[in-house]
Amino acid sequence: MTIGCIFNFGNENIEVKVTGNQVVFRTQQFGGAFITIDNLKLSKSGVVKEFPDLKGNENWREEAIKRFKERMKSYNTEKERINYVINDLNKFGYIPLYLQEDGFRPKKIKLNK
């Protein structure tokens, strides 16, 4: 099963897809190609906000990626994984717009506040 979500962040749309444990990201800057978290530009301040213990760690980026992958493996379904991604990115100002499951028509997302 594949589940995708489209987010808005500023003037840019970001698409996230989950297939099994694999999570991939796409924005206009990637030229339409999906990339893994290994190739994403991560903000150190954002990583430290999520993992305060990485503040003084020289390998903060690698450790954050490792923790993200471990977190994804800890969930049993793609639905649980995409819900984690939606809630996590929403904390950083990414607004989830649409959710699409297995190629079906996208549905608008309504967040409980």
C-alpha atoms as a PDB file:
ATOM      1  CA  MET A   1       0.000   0.000   0.000  1.00  0.00           C
ATOM      2  CA  THR A   2       1.179   3.523  -0.781  1.00  0.00           C
ATOM      3  CA  ILE A   3      -0.079   6.588   1.046  1.00  0.00           C
ATOM      4  CA  GLY A   4       0.857  10.099  -0.012  1.00  0.00           C
ATOM      5  CA  CYS A   5       0.338  13.494   1.544  1.00  0.00           C
ATOM      6  CA  ILE A   6       0.727  16.957   0.064  1.00  0.00           C
ATOM      7  CA  PHE A   7       1.834  19.756   2.383  1.00  0.00           C
ATOM      8  CA  ASN A   8       2.079  23.488   1.906  1.00  0.00           C
ATOM      9  CA  PHE A   9       5.045  25.322   3.403  1.00  0.00           C
ATOM     10  CA  GLY A  10       5.306  28.997   2.546  1.00  0.00           C
ATOM     11  CA  ASN A  11       4.927  29.240  -1.212  1.00  0.00           C
ATOM     12  CA  GLU A  12       5.981  25.657  -1.871  1.00  0.00           C
ATOM     13  CA  ASN A  13       4.173  22.307  -1.955  1.00  0.00           C
ATOM     14  CA  ILE A  14       5.886  19.216  -0.615  1.00  0.00           C
ATOM     15  CA  GLU A  15       4.752  15.675  -1.306  1.00  0.00           C
ATOM     16  CA  VAL A  16       5.527  12.777   1.037  1.00  0.00           C
ATOM     17  CA  LYS A  17       4.868   9.138   0.102  1.00  0.00           C
ATOM     18  CA  VAL A  18       5.026   6.097   2.344  1.00  0.00           C
ATOM     19  CA  THR A  19       5.356   2.586   0.934  1.00  0.00           C
ATOM     20  CA  GLY A  20       6.127  -0.001   3.578  1.00  0.00           C
ATOM     21  CA  ASN A  21       8.924   1.449   5.746  1.00  0.00           C
ATOM     22  CA  GLN A  22      10.159   3.645   2.873  1.00  0.00           C
ATOM     23  CA  VAL A  23       9.374   7.367   3.143  1.00  0.00           C
ATOM     24  CA  VAL A  24      10.206   9.636   0.200  1.00  0.00           C
ATOM     25  CA  PHE A  25       9.886  13.387  -0.318  1.00  0.00           C
ATOM     26  CA  ARG A  26       9.409  15.604  -3.375  1.00  0.00           C
ATOM     27  CA  THR A  27       9.416  19.366  -3.898  1.00  0.00           C
ATOM     28  CA  GLN A  28       9.862  21.555  -6.931  1.00  0.00           C
ATOM     29  CA  GLN A  29      13.562  21.954  -6.093  1.00  0.00           C
ATOM     30  CA  PHE A  30      14.170  18.221  -6.664  1.00  0.00           C
ATOM     31  CA  GLY A  31      12.995  18.462 -10.275  1.00  0.00           C
ATOM     32  CA  GLY A  32      10.025  16.188  -9.778  1.00  0.00           C
ATOM     33  CA  ALA A  33      12.028  13.263  -8.385  1.00  0.00           C
ATOM     34  CA  PHE A  34      11.349  11.659  -5.028  1.00  0.00           C
ATOM     35  CA  ILE A  35      14.271  11.481  -2.607  1.00  0.00           C
ATOM     36  CA  THR A  36      14.811   9.752   0.710  1.00  0.00           C
ATOM     37  CA  ILE A  37      15.526  11.522   3.978  1.00  0.00           C
ATOM     38  CA  ASP A  38      19.228  10.783   3.386  1.00  0.00           C
ATOM     39  CA  ASN A  39      19.243  13.435   0.645  1.00  0.00           C
ATOM     40  CA  LEU A  40      17.101  16.066   2.348  1.00  0.00           C
ATOM     41  CA  LYS A  41      18.587  19.289   3.624  1.00  0.00           C
ATOM     42  CA  LEU A  42      17.888  19.216   7.351  1.00  0.00           C
ATOM     43  CA  SER A  43      17.780  22.232   9.599  1.00  0.00           C
ATOM     44  CA  LYS A  44      19.943  21.777  12.685  1.00  0.00           C
ATOM     45  CA  SER A  45      17.574  23.948  14.738  1.00  0.00           C
ATOM     46  CA  GLY A  46      14.646  21.774  13.631  1.00  0.00           C
ATOM     47  CA  VAL A  47      16.518  18.593  14.485  1.00  0.00           C
ATOM     48  CA  VAL A  48      17.527  19.954  17.898  1.00  0.00           C
ATOM     49  CA  LYS A  49      13.921  20.970  18.546  1.00  0.00           C
ATOM     50  CA  GLU A  50      12.888  17.342  17.958  1.00  0.00           C
ATOM     51  CA  PHE A  51      15.980  15.757  19.592  1.00  0.00           C
ATOM     52  CA  PRO A  52      17.474  18.191  22.150  1.00  0.00           C
ATOM     53  CA  ASP A  53      20.235  15.711  23.056  1.00  0.00           C
ATOM     54  CA  LEU A  54      21.774  16.187  19.584  1.00  0.00           C
ATOM     55  CA  LYS A  55      22.571  19.879  20.182  1.00  0.00           C
ATOM     56  CA  GLY A  56      26.311  19.387  20.726  1.00  0.00           C
ATOM     57  CA  ASN A  57      26.670  16.239  18.627  1.00  0.00           C
ATOM     58  CA  GLU A  58      28.884  16.655  15.526  1.00  0.00           C
ATOM     59  CA  ASN A  59      27.006  13.807  13.840  1.00  0.00           C
ATOM     60  CA  TRP A  60      23.575  15.315  14.547  1.00  0.00           C
ATOM     61  CA  ARG A  61      22.394  14.870  10.946  1.00  0.00           C
ATOM     62  CA  GLU A  62      23.279  11.178  10.673  1.00  0.00           C
ATOM     63  CA  GLU A  63      21.820  10.448  14.108  1.00  0.00           C
ATOM     64  CA  ALA A  64      18.561  12.274  13.277  1.00  0.00           C
ATOM     65  CA  ILE A  65      18.211  10.291  10.042  1.00  0.00           C
ATOM     66  CA  LYS A  66      18.879   7.040  11.898  1.00  0.00           C
ATOM     67  CA  ARG A  67      16.233   7.892  14.518  1.00  0.00           C
ATOM     68  CA  PHE A  68      13.696   8.814  11.831  1.00  0.00           C
ATOM     69  CA  LYS A  69      14.216   5.482  10.074  1.00  0.00           C
ATOM     70  CA  GLU A  70      13.961   3.573  13.361  1.00  0.00           C
ATOM     71  CA  ARG A  71      10.747   5.429  14.176  1.00  0.00           C
ATOM     72  CA  MET A  72       9.269   4.483  10.796  1.00  0.00           C
ATOM     73  CA  LYS A  73      10.139   0.825  11.378  1.00  0.00           C
ATOM     74  CA  SER A  74       8.438   0.917  14.786  1.00  0.00           C
ATOM     75  CA  TYR A  75       5.022   1.519  13.202  1.00  0.00           C
ATOM     76  CA  ASN A  76       3.005  -1.402  11.864  1.00  0.00           C
ATOM     77  CA  THR A  77       1.212   0.232   8.939  1.00  0.00           C
ATOM     78  CA  GLU A  78       1.702   2.927   6.318  1.00  0.00           C
ATOM     79  CA  LYS A  79      -1.276   4.766   7.839  1.00  0.00           C
ATOM     80  CA  GLU A  80       0.524   5.010  11.207  1.00  0.00           C
ATOM     81  CA  ARG A  81       3.702   6.179   9.456  1.00  0.00           C
ATOM     82  CA  ILE A  82       1.997   8.922   7.430  1.00  0.00           C
ATOM     83  CA  ASN A  83       0.076  10.078  10.527  1.00  0.00           C
ATOM     84  CA  TYR A  84       3.401  10.465  12.352  1.00  0.00           C
ATOM     85  CA  VAL A  85       4.849  12.440   9.415  1.00  0.00           C
ATOM     86  CA  ILE A  86       1.746  14.655   9.220  1.00  0.00           C
ATOM     87  CA  ASN A  87       1.797  15.435  12.946  1.00  0.00           C
ATOM     88  CA  ASP A  88       5.561  15.929  13.022  1.00  0.00           C
ATOM     89  CA  LEU A  89       5.765  18.261  10.006  1.00  0.00           C
ATOM     90  CA  ASN A  90       2.707  20.180  11.184  1.00  0.00           C
ATOM     91  CA  LYS A  91       4.642  21.141  14.347  1.00  0.00           C
ATOM     92  CA  PHE A  92       7.180  22.870  12.087  1.00  0.00           C
ATOM     93  CA  GLY A  93       4.649  24.856  10.062  1.00  0.00           C
ATOM     94  CA  TYR A  94       3.948  22.433   7.218  1.00  0.00           C
ATOM     95  CA  ILE A  95       0.221  22.471   6.472  1.00  0.00           C
ATOM     96  CA  PRO A  96      -1.163  19.113   5.323  1.00  0.00           C
ATOM     97  CA  LEU A  97      -3.587  19.615   2.441  1.00  0.00           C
ATOM     98  CA  TYR A  98      -4.424  16.252   0.854  1.00  0.00           C
ATOM     99  CA  LEU A  99      -4.059  12.561   1.619  1.00  0.00           C
ATOM    100  CA  GLN A 100      -4.076   9.946  -1.140  1.00  0.00           C
ATOM    101  CA  GLU A 101      -4.220   6.197  -0.560  1.00  0.00           C
ATOM    102  CA  ASP A 102      -3.182   3.660  -3.221  1.00  0.00           C
ATOM    103  CA  GLY A 103      -3.835   5.973  -6.158  1.00  0.00           C
ATOM    104  CA  PHE A 104      -7.412   6.794  -5.180  1.00  0.00           C
ATOM    105  CA  ARG A 105      -8.711  10.347  -5.369  1.00  0.00           C
ATOM    106  CA  PRO A 106      -6.973  12.670  -2.882  1.00  0.00           C
ATOM    107  CA  LYS A 107      -9.008  13.693   0.165  1.00  0.00           C
ATOM    108  CA  LYS A 108      -8.731  17.013   1.987  1.00  0.00           C
ATOM    109  CA  ILE A 109      -7.187  16.717   5.417  1.00  0.00           C
ATOM    110  CA  LYS A 110      -8.963  18.180   8.420  1.00  0.00           C
ATOM    111  CA  LEU A 111      -6.728  18.413  11.469  1.00  0.00           C
ATOM    112  CA  ASN A 112      -8.194  18.227  14.955  1.00  0.00           C
ATOM    113  CA  LYS A 113      -7.017  21.248  16.886  1.00  0.00           C
END
